[in-house]
C-alpha atoms as a PDB file:
ATOM      1  CA  MET A   1      26.142  45.979  43.210  1.00  0.00           C
ATOM      2  CA  LEU A   2      23.485  45.630  45.971  1.00  0.00           C
ATOM      3  CA  LEU A   3      21.421  42.457  46.110  1.00  0.00           C
ATOM      4  CA  PRO A   4      17.757  42.730  46.889  1.00  0.00           C
ATOM      5  CA  ASP A   5      16.774  41.702  50.353  1.00  0.00           C
ATOM      6  CA  VAL A   6      15.335  38.252  50.403  1.00  0.00           C
ATOM      7  CA  ALA A   7      12.533  37.753  52.904  1.00  0.00           C
ATOM      8  CA  PRO A   8      13.185  34.922  55.298  1.00  0.00           C
ATOM      9  CA  ASP A   9      10.900  31.918  54.943  1.00  0.00           C
ATOM     10  CA  PRO A  10       8.266  32.206  57.721  1.00  0.00           C
ATOM     11  CA  LEU A  11       8.066  28.454  58.007  1.00  0.00           C
ATOM     12  CA  PRO A  12      10.308  26.476  60.301  1.00  0.00           C
ATOM     13  CA  PRO A  13      12.609  23.921  58.573  1.00  0.00           C
ATOM     14  CA  GLU A  14      10.203  20.993  59.207  1.00  0.00           C
ATOM     15  CA  ALA A  15       7.191  22.831  57.579  1.00  0.00           C
ATOM     16  CA  ALA A  16       9.415  24.064  54.773  1.00  0.00           C
ATOM     17  CA  GLU A  17      10.287  20.354  54.046  1.00  0.00           C
ATOM     18  CA  TRP A  18       6.592  19.508  53.969  1.00  0.00           C
ATOM     19  CA  ARG A  19       6.049  22.332  51.469  1.00  0.00           C
ATOM     20  CA  LYS A  20       8.912  21.079  49.325  1.00  0.00           C
ATOM     21  CA  ALA A  21       7.655  17.505  49.407  1.00  0.00           C
ATOM     22  CA  PHE A  22       4.157  18.465  48.367  1.00  0.00           C
ATOM     23  CA  GLY A  23       5.560  20.694  45.675  1.00  0.00           C
ATOM     24  CA  ILE A  24       7.168  17.579  44.139  1.00  0.00           C
ATOM     25  CA  LEU A  25       3.886  15.597  44.128  1.00  0.00           C
ATOM     26  CA  ARG A  26       1.694  16.141  41.117  1.00  0.00           C
ATOM     27  CA  PRO A  27      -1.717  17.455  42.169  1.00  0.00           C
ATOM     28  CA  THR A  28      -3.395  15.559  39.416  1.00  0.00           C
ATOM     29  CA  SER A  29      -1.598  12.210  39.780  1.00  0.00           C
ATOM     30  CA  PRO A  30      -2.655  10.359  42.954  1.00  0.00           C
ATOM     31  CA  PRO A  31       0.273   8.715  44.769  1.00  0.00           C
ATOM     32  CA  CYS A  32      -1.955   5.882  46.014  1.00  0.00           C
ATOM     33  CA  ARG A  33      -4.076   3.749  43.723  1.00  0.00           C
ATOM     34  CA  TYR A  34      -7.053   3.752  46.038  1.00  0.00           C
ATOM     35  CA  ILE A  35      -7.644   7.516  45.821  1.00  0.00           C
ATOM     36  CA  SER A  36      -9.316   9.098  42.762  1.00  0.00           C
ATOM     37  CA  ALA A  37      -7.698  11.905  40.840  1.00  0.00           C
ATOM     38  CA  THR A  38     -10.406  14.299  41.992  1.00  0.00           C
ATOM     39  CA  ALA A  39     -10.098  13.299  45.611  1.00  0.00           C
ATOM     40  CA  TRP A  40      -6.268  13.595  45.465  1.00  0.00           C
ATOM     41  CA  THR A  41      -6.482  17.103  43.860  1.00  0.00           C
ATOM     42  CA  ASN A  42      -8.594  18.149  46.797  1.00  0.00           C
ATOM     43  CA  VAL A  43      -6.283  16.527  49.346  1.00  0.00           C
ATOM     44  CA  HIS A  44      -3.245  18.049  47.679  1.00  0.00           C
ATOM     45  CA  GLU A  45      -4.755  21.535  47.748  1.00  0.00           C
ATOM     46  CA  ALA A  46      -5.942  21.157  51.277  1.00  0.00           C
ATOM     47  CA  CYS A  47      -2.450  19.950  52.497  1.00  0.00           C
ATOM     48  CA  SER A  48      -0.647  22.740  50.666  1.00  0.00           C
ATOM     49  CA  ASP A  49      -3.020  25.315  52.139  1.00  0.00           C
ATOM     50  CA  PHE A  50      -2.518  23.795  55.600  1.00  0.00           C
ATOM     51  CA  ILE A  51       1.269  24.039  55.342  1.00  0.00           C
ATOM     52  CA  GLU A  52       1.179  27.681  54.385  1.00  0.00           C
ATOM     53  CA  ARG A  53      -1.446  28.759  56.941  1.00  0.00           C
ATOM     54  CA  PHE A  54      -0.745  26.438  59.852  1.00  0.00           C
ATOM     55  CA  GLY A  55       2.623  24.784  59.190  1.00  0.00           C
ATOM     56  CA  ALA A  56       4.550  26.875  61.687  1.00  0.00           C
ATOM     57  CA  GLU A  57       2.040  26.415  64.405  1.00  0.00           C
ATOM     58  CA  ALA A  58       1.772  22.673  63.694  1.00  0.00           C
ATOM     59  CA  VAL A  59       5.516  22.300  64.200  1.00  0.00           C
ATOM     60  CA  GLY A  60       5.368  24.368  67.318  1.00  0.00           C
ATOM     61  CA  LEU A  61       2.665  22.099  68.634  1.00  0.00           C
ATOM     62  CA  GLY A  62       4.646  18.995  67.895  1.00  0.00           C
ATOM     63  CA  TRP A  63       2.703  17.612  65.040  1.00  0.00           C
ATOM     64  CA  THR A  64       4.744  15.256  62.802  1.00  0.00           C
ATOM     65  CA  ALA A  65       4.662  14.608  59.038  1.00  0.00           C
ATOM     66  CA  THR A  66       3.121  11.192  59.553  1.00  0.00           C
ATOM     67  CA  GLN A  67       0.454  12.525  61.957  1.00  0.00           C
ATOM     68  CA  LEU A  68      -0.598  15.075  59.280  1.00  0.00           C
ATOM     69  CA  PHE A  69       0.330  13.474  55.895  1.00  0.00           C
ATOM     70  CA  GLY A  70       0.851   9.753  56.599  1.00  0.00           C
ATOM     71  CA  VAL A  71      -0.386   6.767  54.659  1.00  0.00           C
ATOM     72  CA  HIS A  72       0.142   3.022  55.107  1.00  0.00           C
ATOM     73  CA  SER A  73       3.584   2.083  53.742  1.00  0.00           C
ATOM     74  CA  GLN A  74       2.221  -0.710  51.496  1.00  0.00           C
ATOM     75  CA  HIS A  75      -1.490   0.047  50.996  1.00  0.00           C
ATOM     76  CA  GLY A  76      -1.464   3.906  50.905  1.00  0.00           C
ATOM     77  CA  THR A  77      -4.923   5.403  51.574  1.00  0.00           C
ATOM     78  CA  LEU A  78      -6.721   2.054  51.470  1.00  0.00           C
ATOM     79  CA  ARG A  79      -5.821   1.673  55.171  1.00  0.00           C
ATOM     80  CA  VAL A  80      -7.500   4.827  56.471  1.00  0.00           C
ATOM     81  CA  ASP A  81      -6.596   3.805  60.041  1.00  0.00           C
ATOM     82  CA  TRP A  82      -2.966   4.617  59.043  1.00  0.00           C
ATOM     83  CA  CYS A  83      -3.641   7.940  57.331  1.00  0.00           C
ATOM     84  CA  GLY A  84      -2.724  11.318  58.721  1.00  0.00           C
ATOM     85  CA  VAL A  85      -5.281  13.862  59.627  1.00  0.00           C
ATOM     86  CA  MET A  86      -4.891  15.892  56.464  1.00  0.00           C
ATOM     87  CA  ILE A  87      -5.000  12.905  54.007  1.00  0.00           C
ATOM     88  CA  THR A  88      -8.441  11.514  54.982  1.00  0.00           C
ATOM     89  CA  GLY A  89     -10.859  14.280  54.142  1.00  0.00           C
ATOM     90  CA  GLY A  90      -9.572  16.627  51.421  1.00  0.00           C
ATOM     91  CA  HIS A  91     -11.066  19.640  53.242  1.00  0.00           C
ATOM     92  CA  LYS A  92      -9.179  22.772  54.096  1.00  0.00           C
ATOM     93  CA  ALA A  93      -8.402  23.221  57.745  1.00  0.00           C
ATOM     94  CA  ILE A  94      -9.875  26.169  59.582  1.00  0.00           C
ATOM     95  CA  GLY A  95      -7.855  25.839  62.770  1.00  0.00           C
ATOM     96  CA  ILE A  96      -5.314  23.948  64.767  1.00  0.00           C
ATOM     97  CA  GLU A  97      -5.137  22.896  68.381  1.00  0.00           C
ATOM     98  CA  PRO A  98      -2.585  20.807  70.370  1.00  0.00           C
ATOM     99  CA  ASP A  99      -4.314  17.553  69.538  1.00  0.00           C
ATOM    100  CA  ARG A 100      -6.730  18.233  66.747  1.00  0.00           C
ATOM    101  CA  ILE A 101      -7.157  19.919  63.378  1.00  0.00           C
ATOM    102  CA  LEU A 102     -10.538  21.658  62.788  1.00  0.00           C
ATOM    103  CA  PHE A 103     -12.366  21.333  59.528  1.00  0.00           C
ATOM    104  CA  GLY A 104     -15.631  23.188  60.205  1.00  0.00           C
ATOM    105  CA  ASN A 105     -18.106  20.760  61.731  1.00  0.00           C
ATOM    106  CA  VAL A 106     -15.575  17.910  61.999  1.00  0.00           C
ATOM    107  CA  SER A 107     -12.123  17.498  63.512  1.00  0.00           C
ATOM    108  CA  GLY A 108      -9.153  15.167  63.068  1.00  0.00           C
ATOM    109  CA  TYR A 109      -7.238  13.996  66.116  1.00  0.00           C
ATOM    110  CA  ARG A 110      -3.727  12.782  66.673  1.00  0.00           C
ATOM    111  CA  ASN A 111      -4.164  11.260  70.117  1.00  0.00           C
ATOM    112  CA  VAL A 112      -6.512   8.413  69.126  1.00  0.00           C
ATOM    113  CA  PRO A 113      -5.682   5.253  71.167  1.00  0.00           C
ATOM    114  CA  GLY A 114      -4.164   2.504  68.964  1.00  0.00           C
ATOM    115  CA  VAL A 115      -3.502   4.781  65.982  1.00  0.00           C
ATOM    116  CA  ARG A 116      -0.916   3.440  63.619  1.00  0.00           C
ATOM    117  CA  VAL A 117       1.992   5.384  62.194  1.00  0.00           C
ATOM    118  CA  GLY A 118       2.589   5.175  58.403  1.00  0.00           C
ATOM    119  CA  VAL A 119       4.982   7.009  56.167  1.00  0.00           C
ATOM    120  CA  PRO A 120       4.579  10.495  54.731  1.00  0.00           C
ATOM    121  CA  VAL A 121       2.612  10.308  51.422  1.00  0.00           C
ATOM    122  CA  TRP A 122       5.564  11.728  49.500  1.00  0.00           C
ATOM    123  CA  GLU A 123       7.634   8.694  50.589  1.00  0.00           C
ATOM    124  CA  PHE A 124       4.891   6.347  49.294  1.00  0.00           C
ATOM    125  CA  ALA A 125       4.575   8.002  45.895  1.00  0.00           C
ATOM    126  CA  ALA A 126       6.220   6.279  42.934  1.00  0.00           C
ATOM    127  CA  PRO A 127       8.777   8.360  40.977  1.00  0.00           C
ATOM    128  CA  GLY A 128       6.294   8.801  38.067  1.00  0.00           C
ATOM    129  CA  GLN A 129       3.834  10.558  40.344  1.00  0.00           C
ATOM    130  CA  LYS A 130       6.298  13.277  41.192  1.00  0.00           C
ATOM    131  CA  VAL A 131       7.053  16.339  39.150  1.00  0.00           C
END
């Protein structure tokens, strides 16, 4: 019996892990108490879209999970200065460069002096906020 060919995942392992982690988070249940359900739904959708469209390129450019999807380890999104580029706006990215993500008329940068490093949002989420 012949098995059907399975197409290889176009994402590198790091981006595939990001996809898996966001797949576990509920899009309607915010992982941080300081983000509304509506805002979280937008962030979740924008992050999922980013991973599919730009995940491979982000890995190739050296972006990390915390630079993209990080939150403060105790205060979540309340501490915006600890949040990753994709967590702060809830807008879909339109492009990626070595040190910035483009969102139309604004950009998010990873090389900001003094920027703090948090934990990926999926590590912050409580078990009840996961599928």
